Amino acid sequence: MSVTTRRLRRQRRQRLRLPVLVVVLLAAAAALVPACATVAPWQRGKLSRATMQTSDDPAAAAFTIHVRRTREAMRGATSGGGPSCGCN
């Protein structure tokens, strides 16, 4: 293989890398942009409706949170409180 052929192949590979990089970066940006949303105060009422909740049964959800806090008290399984030794 001649030096010219190698140089042409290297240039072709470099030309192909840039569009691939641009496409990957644009796809990442397009995936992240819709995740950012500002909620106006008058829209917060709609988001707090029962149909928007992840659990149908609030009592079952409270029990699940209690069990997770009890079992994983040392790690802090939920966002409430700080870590403890779990010796209570």
PDB file of N, CA and C in Angstrom:
ATOM      1  N   MET A   1       0.837  -1.158   0.000  1.00  0.00           N
ATOM      2  CA  MET A   1       0.000   0.000   0.000  1.00  0.00           C
ATOM      3  C   MET A   1       0.892   1.235   0.000  1.00  0.00           C
ATOM      4  N   SER A   2       0.577   2.163  -0.809  1.00  0.00           N
ATOM      5  CA  SER A   2       1.423   3.348  -0.929  1.00  0.00           C
ATOM      6  C   SER A   2       1.099   4.361   0.164  1.00  0.00           C
ATOM      7  N   VAL A   3       1.979   5.313   0.301  1.00  0.00           N
ATOM      8  CA  VAL A   3       1.822   6.354   1.307  1.00  0.00           C
ATOM      9  C   VAL A   3       0.594   7.205   0.995  1.00  0.00           C
ATOM     10  N   THR A   4       0.360   7.450  -0.265  1.00  0.00           N
ATOM     11  CA  THR A   4      -0.786   8.256  -0.681  1.00  0.00           C
ATOM     12  C   THR A   4      -2.098   7.566  -0.313  1.00  0.00           C
ATOM     13  N   THR A   5      -2.165   6.278  -0.525  1.00  0.00           N
ATOM     14  CA  THR A   5      -3.372   5.523  -0.188  1.00  0.00           C
ATOM     15  C   THR A   5      -3.629   5.558   1.313  1.00  0.00           C
ATOM     16  N   ARG A   6      -2.591   5.388   2.111  1.00  0.00           N
ATOM     17  CA  ARG A   6      -2.740   5.446   3.561  1.00  0.00           C
ATOM     18  C   ARG A   6      -3.228   6.813   4.016  1.00  0.00           C
ATOM     19  N   ARG A   7      -2.659   7.850   3.430  1.00  0.00           N
ATOM     20  CA  ARG A   7      -3.039   9.208   3.781  1.00  0.00           C
ATOM     21  C   ARG A   7      -4.498   9.469   3.431  1.00  0.00           C
ATOM     22  N   LEU A   8      -4.924   8.995   2.263  1.00  0.00           N
ATOM     23  CA  LEU A   8      -6.315   9.182   1.853  1.00  0.00           C
ATOM     24  C   LEU A   8      -7.271   8.434   2.783  1.00  0.00           C
ATOM     25  N   ARG A   9      -6.904   7.237   3.193  1.00  0.00           N
ATOM     26  CA  ARG A   9      -7.761   6.474   4.112  1.00  0.00           C
ATOM     27  C   ARG A   9      -7.849   7.163   5.471  1.00  0.00           C
ATOM     28  N   ARG A  10      -6.741   7.675   5.959  1.00  0.00           N
ATOM     29  CA  ARG A  10      -6.729   8.375   7.232  1.00  0.00           C
ATOM     30  C   ARG A  10      -7.603   9.628   7.164  1.00  0.00           C
ATOM     31  N   GLN A  11      -7.503  10.370   6.064  1.00  0.00           N
ATOM     32  CA  GLN A  11      -8.317  11.573   5.907  1.00  0.00           C
ATOM     33  C   GLN A  11      -9.806  11.221   5.843  1.00  0.00           C
ATOM     34  N   ARG A  12     -10.143  10.138   5.180  1.00  0.00           N
ATOM     35  CA  ARG A  12     -11.527   9.706   5.060  1.00  0.00           C
ATOM     36  C   ARG A  12     -12.083   9.334   6.442  1.00  0.00           C
ATOM     37  N   ARG A  13     -11.283   8.622   7.241  1.00  0.00           N
ATOM     38  CA  ARG A  13     -11.713   8.251   8.589  1.00  0.00           C
ATOM     39  C   ARG A  13     -11.924   9.489   9.456  1.00  0.00           C
ATOM     40  N   GLN A  14     -11.033  10.461   9.336  1.00  0.00           N
ATOM     41  CA  GLN A  14     -11.167  11.680  10.120  1.00  0.00           C
ATOM     42  C   GLN A  14     -12.398  12.477   9.705  1.00  0.00           C
ATOM     43  N   ARG A  15     -12.715  12.476   8.424  1.00  0.00           N
ATOM     44  CA  ARG A  15     -13.908  13.179   7.953  1.00  0.00           C
ATOM     45  C   ARG A  15     -15.178  12.502   8.449  1.00  0.00           C
ATOM     46  N   LEU A  16     -15.162  11.195   8.631  1.00  0.00           N
ATOM     47  CA  LEU A  16     -16.338  10.473   9.100  1.00  0.00           C
ATOM     48  C   LEU A  16     -16.538  10.635  10.606  1.00  0.00           C
ATOM     49  N   ARG A  17     -15.478  10.855  11.363  1.00  0.00           N
ATOM     50  CA  ARG A  17     -15.588  10.986  12.812  1.00  0.00           C
ATOM     51  C   ARG A  17     -16.352  12.239  13.226  1.00  0.00           C
ATOM     52  N   LEU A  18     -16.117  13.344  12.550  1.00  0.00           N
ATOM     53  CA  LEU A  18     -16.750  14.596  12.928  1.00  0.00           C
ATOM     54  C   LEU A  18     -18.271  14.535  12.821  1.00  0.00           C
ATOM     55  N   PRO A  19     -18.859  14.086  11.716  1.00  0.00           N
ATOM     56  CA  PRO A  19     -20.323  14.017  11.661  1.00  0.00           C
ATOM     57  C   PRO A  19     -20.916  13.070  12.691  1.00  0.00           C
ATOM     58  N   VAL A  20     -20.232  11.976  12.974  1.00  0.00           N
ATOM     59  CA  VAL A  20     -20.733  11.045  13.984  1.00  0.00           C
ATOM     60  C   VAL A  20     -20.729  11.716  15.347  1.00  0.00           C
ATOM     61  N   LEU A  21     -19.675  12.427  15.659  1.00  0.00           N
ATOM     62  CA  LEU A  21     -19.588  13.138  16.928  1.00  0.00           C
ATOM     63  C   LEU A  21     -20.678  14.202  17.037  1.00  0.00           C
ATOM     64  N   VAL A  22     -20.916  14.924  15.967  1.00  0.00           N
ATOM     65  CA  VAL A  22     -21.952  15.956  15.963  1.00  0.00           C
ATOM     66  C   VAL A  22     -23.324  15.330  16.176  1.00  0.00           C
ATOM     67  N   VAL A  23     -23.599  14.229  15.531  1.00  0.00           N
ATOM     68  CA  VAL A  23     -24.891  13.563  15.675  1.00  0.00           C
ATOM     69  C   VAL A  23     -25.077  13.063  17.101  1.00  0.00           C
ATOM     70  N   VAL A  24     -24.054  12.495  17.693  1.00  0.00           N
ATOM     71  CA  VAL A  24     -24.146  12.000  19.067  1.00  0.00           C
ATOM     72  C   VAL A  24     -24.387  13.157  20.034  1.00  0.00           C
ATOM     73  N   LEU A  25     -23.676  14.256  19.863  1.00  0.00           N
ATOM     74  CA  LEU A  25     -23.860  15.404  20.745  1.00  0.00           C
ATOM     75  C   LEU A  25     -25.240  16.032  20.582  1.00  0.00           C
ATOM     76  N   LEU A  26     -25.728  16.121  19.369  1.00  0.00           N
ATOM     77  CA  LEU A  26     -27.073  16.664  19.150  1.00  0.00           C
ATOM     78  C   LEU A  26     -28.142  15.755  19.738  1.00  0.00           C
ATOM     79  N   ALA A  27     -27.964  14.454  19.614  1.00  0.00           N
ATOM     80  CA  ALA A  27     -28.931  13.516  20.193  1.00  0.00           C
ATOM     81  C   ALA A  27     -28.942  13.623  21.717  1.00  0.00           C
ATOM     82  N   ALA A  28     -27.772  13.765  22.316  1.00  0.00           N
ATOM     83  CA  ALA A  28     -27.700  13.911  23.771  1.00  0.00           C
ATOM     84  C   ALA A  28     -28.368  15.213  24.217  1.00  0.00           C
ATOM     85  N   ALA A  29     -28.120  16.281  23.486  1.00  0.00           N
ATOM     86  CA  ALA A  29     -28.732  17.557  23.835  1.00  0.00           C
ATOM     87  C   ALA A  29     -30.251  17.502  23.666  1.00  0.00           C
ATOM     88  N   ALA A  30     -30.711  16.851  22.610  1.00  0.00           N
ATOM     89  CA  ALA A  30     -32.151  16.734  22.378  1.00  0.00           C
ATOM     90  C   ALA A  30     -32.817  15.886  23.454  1.00  0.00           C
ATOM     91  N   ALA A  31     -32.108  14.925  23.984  1.00  0.00           N
ATOM     92  CA  ALA A  31     -32.678  14.080  25.041  1.00  0.00           C
ATOM     93  C   ALA A  31     -32.727  14.812  26.369  1.00  0.00           C
ATOM     94  N   LEU A  32     -31.801  15.718  26.618  1.00  0.00           N
ATOM     95  CA  LEU A  32     -31.743  16.407  27.899  1.00  0.00           C
ATOM     96  C   LEU A  32     -32.600  17.665  27.967  1.00  0.00           C
ATOM     97  N   VAL A  33     -32.836  18.313  26.858  1.00  0.00           N
ATOM     98  CA  VAL A  33     -33.571  19.574  26.857  1.00  0.00           C
ATOM     99  C   VAL A  33     -35.014  19.413  27.335  1.00  0.00           C
ATOM    100  N   PRO A  34     -35.764  18.417  26.880  1.00  0.00           N
ATOM    101  CA  PRO A  34     -37.153  18.320  27.355  1.00  0.00           C
ATOM    102  C   PRO A  34     -37.275  17.991  28.836  1.00  0.00           C
ATOM    103  N   ALA A  35     -36.229  17.513  29.466  1.00  0.00           N
ATOM    104  CA  ALA A  35     -36.290  17.163  30.880  1.00  0.00           C
ATOM    105  C   ALA A  35     -36.341  18.405  31.765  1.00  0.00           C
ATOM    106  N   CYS A  36     -35.934  19.542  31.253  1.00  0.00           N
ATOM    107  CA  CYS A  36     -35.946  20.773  32.033  1.00  0.00           C
ATOM    108  C   CYS A  36     -37.254  21.507  31.772  1.00  0.00           C
ATOM    109  N   ALA A  37     -38.034  21.691  32.822  1.00  0.00           N
ATOM    110  CA  ALA A  37     -39.304  22.394  32.665  1.00  0.00           C
ATOM    111  C   ALA A  37     -39.552  23.253  33.884  1.00  0.00           C
ATOM    112  N   THR A  38     -40.104  24.422  33.643  1.00  0.00           N
ATOM    113  CA  THR A  38     -40.490  25.302  34.726  1.00  0.00           C
ATOM    114  C   THR A  38     -41.988  25.186  34.914  1.00  0.00           C
ATOM    115  N   VAL A  39     -42.406  24.964  36.148  1.00  0.00           N
ATOM    116  CA  VAL A  39     -43.828  24.813  36.442  1.00  0.00           C
ATOM    117  C   VAL A  39     -44.323  26.105  37.068  1.00  0.00           C
ATOM    118  N   ALA A  40     -45.313  26.688  36.439  1.00  0.00           N
ATOM    119  CA  ALA A  40     -45.893  27.912  36.963  1.00  0.00           C
ATOM    120  C   ALA A  40     -46.748  27.598  38.193  1.00  0.00           C
ATOM    121  N   PRO A  41     -46.922  28.571  39.091  1.00  0.00           N
ATOM    122  CA  PRO A  41     -47.697  28.309  40.308  1.00  0.00           C
ATOM    123  C   PRO A  41     -49.116  27.817  40.039  1.00  0.00           C
ATOM    124  N   TRP A  42     -49.774  28.308  39.006  1.00  0.00           N
ATOM    125  CA  TRP A  42     -51.141  27.877  38.730  1.00  0.00           C
ATOM    126  C   TRP A  42     -51.201  26.478  38.114  1.00  0.00           C
ATOM    127  N   GLN A  43     -50.061  25.924  37.682  1.00  0.00           N
ATOM    128  CA  GLN A  43     -50.027  24.571  37.135  1.00  0.00           C
ATOM    129  C   GLN A  43     -49.709  23.520  38.198  1.00  0.00           C
ATOM    130  N   ARG A  44     -49.261  23.950  39.354  1.00  0.00           N
ATOM    131  CA  ARG A  44     -48.866  23.003  40.397  1.00  0.00           C
ATOM    132  C   ARG A  44     -50.057  22.236  40.955  1.00  0.00           C
ATOM    133  N   GLY A  45     -51.231  22.829  40.905  1.00  0.00           N
ATOM    134  CA  GLY A  45     -52.434  22.143  41.373  1.00  0.00           C
ATOM    135  C   GLY A  45     -52.737  20.915  40.536  1.00  0.00           C
ATOM    136  N   LYS A  46     -52.490  21.006  39.238  1.00  0.00           N
ATOM    137  CA  LYS A  46     -52.723  19.858  38.357  1.00  0.00           C
ATOM    138  C   LYS A  46     -51.745  18.732  38.653  1.00  0.00           C
ATOM    139  N   LEU A  47     -50.514  19.084  39.001  1.00  0.00           N
ATOM    140  CA  LEU A  47     -49.506  18.067  39.272  1.00  0.00           C
ATOM    141  C   LEU A  47     -49.716  17.380  40.617  1.00  0.00           C
ATOM    142  N   SER A  48     -50.454  18.011  41.531  1.00  0.00           N
ATOM    143  CA  SER A  48     -50.664  17.404  42.842  1.00  0.00           C
ATOM    144  C   SER A  48     -51.952  16.584  42.909  1.00  0.00           C
ATOM    145  N   ARG A  49     -52.650  16.442  41.808  1.00  0.00           N
ATOM    146  CA  ARG A  49     -53.871  15.633  41.796  1.00  0.00           C
ATOM    147  C   ARG A  49     -53.545  14.167  42.046  1.00  0.00           C
ATOM    148  N   ALA A  50     -54.555  13.446  42.485  1.00  0.00           N
ATOM    149  CA  ALA A  50     -54.379  12.026  42.794  1.00  0.00           C
ATOM    150  C   ALA A  50     -54.012  11.215  41.553  1.00  0.00           C
ATOM    151  N   THR A  51     -54.461  11.642  40.384  1.00  0.00           N
ATOM    152  CA  THR A  51     -54.149  10.890  39.159  1.00  0.00           C
ATOM    153  C   THR A  51     -52.682  11.008  38.769  1.00  0.00           C
ATOM    154  N   MET A  52     -51.985  11.997  39.312  1.00  0.00           N
ATOM    155  CA  MET A  52     -50.574  12.187  38.986  1.00  0.00           C
ATOM    156  C   MET A  52     -49.652  11.481  39.973  1.00  0.00           C
ATOM    157  N   GLN A  53     -50.207  10.854  41.002  1.00  0.00           N
ATOM    158  CA  GLN A  53     -49.399  10.173  42.007  1.00  0.00           C
ATOM    159  C   GLN A  53     -48.926   8.830  41.482  1.00  0.00           C
ATOM    160  N   THR A  54     -47.793   8.362  41.985  1.00  0.00           N
ATOM    161  CA  THR A  54     -47.237   7.086  41.534  1.00  0.00           C
ATOM    162  C   THR A  54     -47.906   5.899  42.201  1.00  0.00           C
ATOM    163  N   SER A  55     -48.565   6.117  43.326  1.00  0.00           N
ATOM    164  CA  SER A  55     -49.207   5.027  44.046  1.00  0.00           C
ATOM    165  C   SER A  55     -50.698   5.310  44.162  1.00  0.00           C
ATOM    166  N   ASP A  56     -51.512   4.272  43.987  1.00  0.00           N
ATOM    167  CA  ASP A  56     -52.956   4.437  44.118  1.00  0.00           C
ATOM    168  C   ASP A  56     -53.388   4.480  45.573  1.00  0.00           C
ATOM    169  N   ASP A  57     -52.666   3.794  46.437  1.00  0.00           N
ATOM    170  CA  ASP A  57     -53.046   3.669  47.834  1.00  0.00           C
ATOM    171  C   ASP A  57     -52.039   4.402  48.708  1.00  0.00           C
ATOM    172  N   PRO A  58     -52.419   5.564  49.267  1.00  0.00           N
ATOM    173  CA  PRO A  58     -51.462   6.321  50.083  1.00  0.00           C
ATOM    174  C   PRO A  58     -51.022   5.563  51.335  1.00  0.00           C
ATOM    175  N   ALA A  59     -51.908   4.741  51.911  1.00  0.00           N
ATOM    176  CA  ALA A  59     -51.538   3.983  53.108  1.00  0.00           C
ATOM    177  C   ALA A  59     -50.458   2.955  52.782  1.00  0.00           C
ATOM    178  N   ALA A  60     -50.602   2.283  51.641  1.00  0.00           N
ATOM    179  CA  ALA A  60     -49.598   1.299  51.236  1.00  0.00           C
ATOM    180  C   ALA A  60     -48.266   1.982  50.940  1.00  0.00           C
ATOM    181  N   ALA A  61     -48.322   3.162  50.326  1.00  0.00           N
ATOM    182  CA  ALA A  61     -47.091   3.891  50.037  1.00  0.00           C
ATOM    183  C   ALA A  61     -46.402   4.318  51.329  1.00  0.00           C
ATOM    184  N   ALA A  62     -47.183   4.774  52.326  1.00  0.00           N
ATOM    185  CA  ALA A  62     -46.604   5.174  53.613  1.00  0.00           C
ATOM    186  C   ALA A  62     -45.981   3.971  54.319  1.00  0.00           C
ATOM    187  N   PHE A  63     -46.634   2.819  54.240  1.00  0.00           N
ATOM    188  CA  PHE A  63     -46.090   1.613  54.858  1.00  0.00           C
ATOM    189  C   PHE A  63     -44.784   1.195  54.187  1.00  0.00           C
ATOM    190  N   THR A  64     -44.744   1.273  52.870  1.00  0.00           N
ATOM    191  CA  THR A  64     -43.529   0.911  52.130  1.00  0.00           C
ATOM    192  C   THR A  64     -42.375   1.829  52.527  1.00  0.00           C
ATOM    193  N   ILE A  65     -42.654   3.108  52.645  1.00  0.00           N
ATOM    194  CA  ILE A  65     -41.617   4.052  53.051  1.00  0.00           C
ATOM    195  C   ILE A  65     -41.140   3.730  54.469  1.00  0.00           C
ATOM    196  N   HIS A  66     -42.086   3.401  55.361  1.00  0.00           N
ATOM    197  CA  HIS A  66     -41.719   3.045  56.736  1.00  0.00           C
ATOM    198  C   HIS A  66     -40.816   1.812  56.759  1.00  0.00           C
ATOM    199  N   VAL A  67     -41.163   0.799  55.964  1.00  0.00           N
ATOM    200  CA  VAL A  67     -40.363  -0.431  55.927  1.00  0.00           C
ATOM    201  C   VAL A  67     -38.969  -0.138  55.385  1.00  0.00           C
ATOM    202  N   ARG A  68     -38.874   0.655  54.348  1.00  0.00           N
ATOM    203  CA  ARG A  68     -37.560   0.981  53.779  1.00  0.00           C
ATOM    204  C   ARG A  68     -36.706   1.762  54.763  1.00  0.00           C
ATOM    205  N   ARG A  69     -37.323   2.700  55.476  1.00  0.00           N
ATOM    206  CA  ARG A  69     -36.559   3.466  56.465  1.00  0.00           C
ATOM    207  C   ARG A  69     -36.096   2.572  57.604  1.00  0.00           C
ATOM    208  N   THR A  70     -36.929   1.619  57.987  1.00  0.00           N
ATOM    209  CA  THR A  70     -36.568   0.733  59.088  1.00  0.00           C
ATOM    210  C   THR A  70     -35.456  -0.221  58.690  1.00  0.00           C
ATOM    211  N   ARG A  71     -35.572  -0.818  57.519  1.00  0.00           N
ATOM    212  CA  ARG A  71     -34.581  -1.810  57.077  1.00  0.00           C
ATOM    213  C   ARG A  71     -33.265  -1.166  56.688  1.00  0.00           C
ATOM    214  N   GLU A  72     -33.328  -0.014  56.106  1.00  0.00           N
ATOM    215  CA  GLU A  72     -32.120   0.606  55.568  1.00  0.00           C
ATOM    216  C   GLU A  72     -31.827   1.917  56.280  1.00  0.00           C
ATOM    217  N   ALA A  73     -31.994   1.915  57.603  1.00  0.00           N
ATOM    218  CA  ALA A  73     -31.805   3.151  58.363  1.00  0.00           C
ATOM    219  C   ALA A  73     -30.375   3.651  58.284  1.00  0.00           C
ATOM    220  N   MET A  74     -29.456   2.750  58.116  1.00  0.00           N
ATOM    221  CA  MET A  74     -28.068   3.154  58.082  1.00  0.00           C
ATOM    222  C   MET A  74     -27.710   3.879  56.787  1.00  0.00           C
ATOM    223  N   ARG A  75     -28.338   3.473  55.692  1.00  0.00           N
ATOM    224  CA  ARG A  75     -28.021   4.080  54.403  1.00  0.00           C
ATOM    225  C   ARG A  75     -28.905   5.268  54.085  1.00  0.00           C
ATOM    226  N   GLY A  76     -30.071   5.371  54.668  1.00  0.00           N
ATOM    227  CA  GLY A  76     -30.984   6.448  54.318  1.00  0.00           C
ATOM    228  C   GLY A  76     -31.684   6.144  53.016  1.00  0.00           C
ATOM    229  N   ALA A  77     -32.613   5.196  53.025  1.00  0.00           N
ATOM    230  CA  ALA A  77     -33.251   4.729  51.799  1.00  0.00           C
ATOM    231  C   ALA A  77     -34.128   5.778  51.154  1.00  0.00           C
ATOM    232  N   THR A  78     -34.679   6.664  51.947  1.00  0.00           N
ATOM    233  CA  THR A  78     -35.511   7.732  51.398  1.00  0.00           C
ATOM    234  C   THR A  78     -34.853   9.056  51.724  1.00  0.00           C
ATOM    235  N   SER A  79     -35.439  10.120  51.241  1.00  0.00           N
ATOM    236  CA  SER A  79     -34.801  11.423  51.393  1.00  0.00           C
ATOM    237  C   SER A  79     -35.014  12.039  52.764  1.00  0.00           C
ATOM    238  N   GLY A  80     -35.823  11.449  53.615  1.00  0.00           N
ATOM    239  CA  GLY A  80     -36.103  12.026  54.923  1.00  0.00           C
ATOM    240  C   GLY A  80     -35.045  11.715  55.948  1.00  0.00           C
ATOM    241  N   GLY A  81     -34.676  12.706  56.746  1.00  0.00           N
ATOM    242  CA  GLY A  81     -33.751  12.493  57.844  1.00  0.00           C
ATOM    243  C   GLY A  81     -32.332  12.169  57.404  1.00  0.00           C
ATOM    244  N   GLY A  82     -31.500  11.981  58.390  1.00  0.00           N
ATOM    245  CA  GLY A  82     -30.116  11.656  58.096  1.00  0.00           C
ATOM    246  C   GLY A  82     -29.817  10.195  58.409  1.00  0.00           C
ATOM    247  N   PRO A  83     -28.633   9.741  58.100  1.00  0.00           N
ATOM    248  CA  PRO A  83     -28.287   8.344  58.391  1.00  0.00           C
ATOM    249  C   PRO A  83     -28.131   8.140  59.890  1.00  0.00           C
ATOM    250  N   SER A  84     -28.435   6.945  60.344  1.00  0.00           N
ATOM    251  CA  SER A  84     -28.271   6.630  61.755  1.00  0.00           C
ATOM    252  C   SER A  84     -27.676   5.240  61.885  1.00  0.00           C
ATOM    253  N   CYS A  85     -27.414   4.841  63.129  1.00  0.00           N
ATOM    254  CA  CYS A  85     -26.808   3.534  63.330  1.00  0.00           C
ATOM    255  C   CYS A  85     -27.834   2.419  63.240  1.00  0.00           C
ATOM    256  N   GLY A  86     -29.132   2.733  63.398  1.00  0.00           N
ATOM    257  CA  GLY A  86     -30.174   1.730  63.297  1.00  0.00           C
ATOM    258  C   GLY A  86     -30.321   0.917  64.558  1.00  0.00           C
ATOM    259  N   CYS A  87     -29.846   1.410  65.692  1.00  0.00           N
ATOM    260  CA  CYS A  87     -29.888   0.636  66.937  1.00  0.00           C
ATOM    261  C   CYS A  87     -31.087   0.982  67.805  1.00  0.00           C
ATOM    262  N   ASN A  88     -32.049   1.711  67.302  1.00  0.00           N
ATOM    263  CA  ASN A  88     -33.244   2.081  68.106  1.00  0.00           C
ATOM    264  C   ASN A  88     -34.161   0.912  68.240  1.00  0.00           C
TER     265      ASN A  88
END
